[in-house]
Amino acid sequence: MGYRKRSTDALSATVEGSLKRISLQHTRSKGVVTRVSNVLQSDHGRHTNMERRA
């Protein structure tokens, strides 16, 4: 049980790191995002709300 908990923490830390990297790339490539966001607008809005709540 303890091992599983530790691996879950490691996994969520990895996911968090990936999300930070992704958001850095997201900031860097605003032009591409602007074009893509027209398609993903609803998902993007939901994602931003989740970030704001966190």
C-alpha atoms as a PDB file:
ATOM      1  CA  MET A   1       0.000   0.000   0.000  1.00  0.00           C
ATOM      2  CA  GLY A   2       2.768   2.426   0.933  1.00  0.00           C
ATOM      3  CA  TYR A   3       4.616   1.639  -2.270  1.00  0.00           C
ATOM      4  CA  ARG A   4       1.562   2.319  -4.380  1.00  0.00           C
ATOM      5  CA  LYS A   5       1.087   5.687  -2.686  1.00  0.00           C
ATOM      6  CA  ARG A   6       4.673   6.669  -3.380  1.00  0.00           C
ATOM      7  CA  SER A   7       4.453   5.684  -7.052  1.00  0.00           C
ATOM      8  CA  THR A   8       1.223   7.664  -7.383  1.00  0.00           C
ATOM      9  CA  ASP A   9       2.975  10.740  -5.994  1.00  0.00           C
ATOM     10  CA  ALA A  10       5.849  10.223  -8.436  1.00  0.00           C
ATOM     11  CA  LEU A  11       3.391   9.859 -11.296  1.00  0.00           C
ATOM     12  CA  SER A  12       1.479  13.023 -10.421  1.00  0.00           C
ATOM     13  CA  ALA A  13       4.785  14.893 -10.077  1.00  0.00           C
ATOM     14  CA  THR A  14       5.736  13.699 -13.567  1.00  0.00           C
ATOM     15  CA  VAL A  15       2.362  14.746 -14.949  1.00  0.00           C
ATOM     16  CA  GLU A  16       2.696  18.136 -13.280  1.00  0.00           C
ATOM     17  CA  GLY A  17       6.141  18.619 -14.840  1.00  0.00           C
ATOM     18  CA  SER A  18       4.763  17.678 -18.244  1.00  0.00           C
ATOM     19  CA  LEU A  19       1.903  20.155 -17.890  1.00  0.00           C
ATOM     20  CA  LYS A  20       4.353  22.927 -16.960  1.00  0.00           C
ATOM     21  CA  ARG A  21       6.489  22.107 -20.005  1.00  0.00           C
ATOM     22  CA  ILE A  22       3.405  22.068 -22.217  1.00  0.00           C
ATOM     23  CA  SER A  23       2.200  25.430 -20.918  1.00  0.00           C
ATOM     24  CA  LEU A  24       5.666  26.902 -21.540  1.00  0.00           C
ATOM     25  CA  GLN A  25       5.514  25.701 -25.147  1.00  0.00           C
ATOM     26  CA  HIS A  26       1.920  26.961 -25.296  1.00  0.00           C
ATOM     27  CA  THR A  27       3.098  30.438 -24.279  1.00  0.00           C
ATOM     28  CA  ARG A  28       5.966  30.359 -26.769  1.00  0.00           C
ATOM     29  CA  SER A  29       3.816  29.346 -29.738  1.00  0.00           C
ATOM     30  CA  LYS A  30       0.952  31.829 -29.366  1.00  0.00           C
ATOM     31  CA  GLY A  31       0.526  32.227 -33.121  1.00  0.00           C
ATOM     32  CA  VAL A  32      -0.110  28.527 -33.645  1.00  0.00           C
ATOM     33  CA  VAL A  33      -2.332  28.406 -30.573  1.00  0.00           C
ATOM     34  CA  THR A  34      -4.447  31.257 -31.905  1.00  0.00           C
ATOM     35  CA  ARG A  35      -5.181  29.266 -35.056  1.00  0.00           C
ATOM     36  CA  VAL A  36      -5.778  25.994 -33.216  1.00  0.00           C
ATOM     37  CA  SER A  37      -7.837  27.565 -30.415  1.00  0.00           C
ATOM     38  CA  ASN A  38     -10.662  28.277 -32.864  1.00  0.00           C
ATOM     39  CA  VAL A  39     -11.067  24.502 -33.142  1.00  0.00           C
ATOM     40  CA  LEU A  40     -10.420  23.694 -29.468  1.00  0.00           C
ATOM     41  CA  GLN A  41     -12.115  26.730 -27.957  1.00  0.00           C
ATOM     42  CA  SER A  42     -14.505  24.862 -25.634  1.00  0.00           C
ATOM     43  CA  ASP A  43     -11.770  22.510 -24.362  1.00  0.00           C
ATOM     44  CA  HIS A  44      -9.388  25.419 -23.897  1.00  0.00           C
ATOM     45  CA  GLY A  45     -11.930  27.354 -21.852  1.00  0.00           C
ATOM     46  CA  ARG A  46     -12.563  24.370 -19.598  1.00  0.00           C
ATOM     47  CA  HIS A  47      -8.797  23.897 -19.149  1.00  0.00           C
ATOM     48  CA  THR A  48      -8.293  27.548 -18.211  1.00  0.00           C
ATOM     49  CA  ASN A  49     -11.104  27.371 -15.647  1.00  0.00           C
ATOM     50  CA  MET A  50      -9.504  24.293 -14.070  1.00  0.00           C
ATOM     51  CA  GLU A  51      -6.159  26.106 -13.876  1.00  0.00           C
ATOM     52  CA  ARG A  52      -7.785  29.123 -12.250  1.00  0.00           C
ATOM     53  CA  ARG A  53      -9.492  26.929  -9.652  1.00  0.00           C
ATOM     54  CA  ALA A  54      -6.287  25.008  -8.796  1.00  0.00           C
END
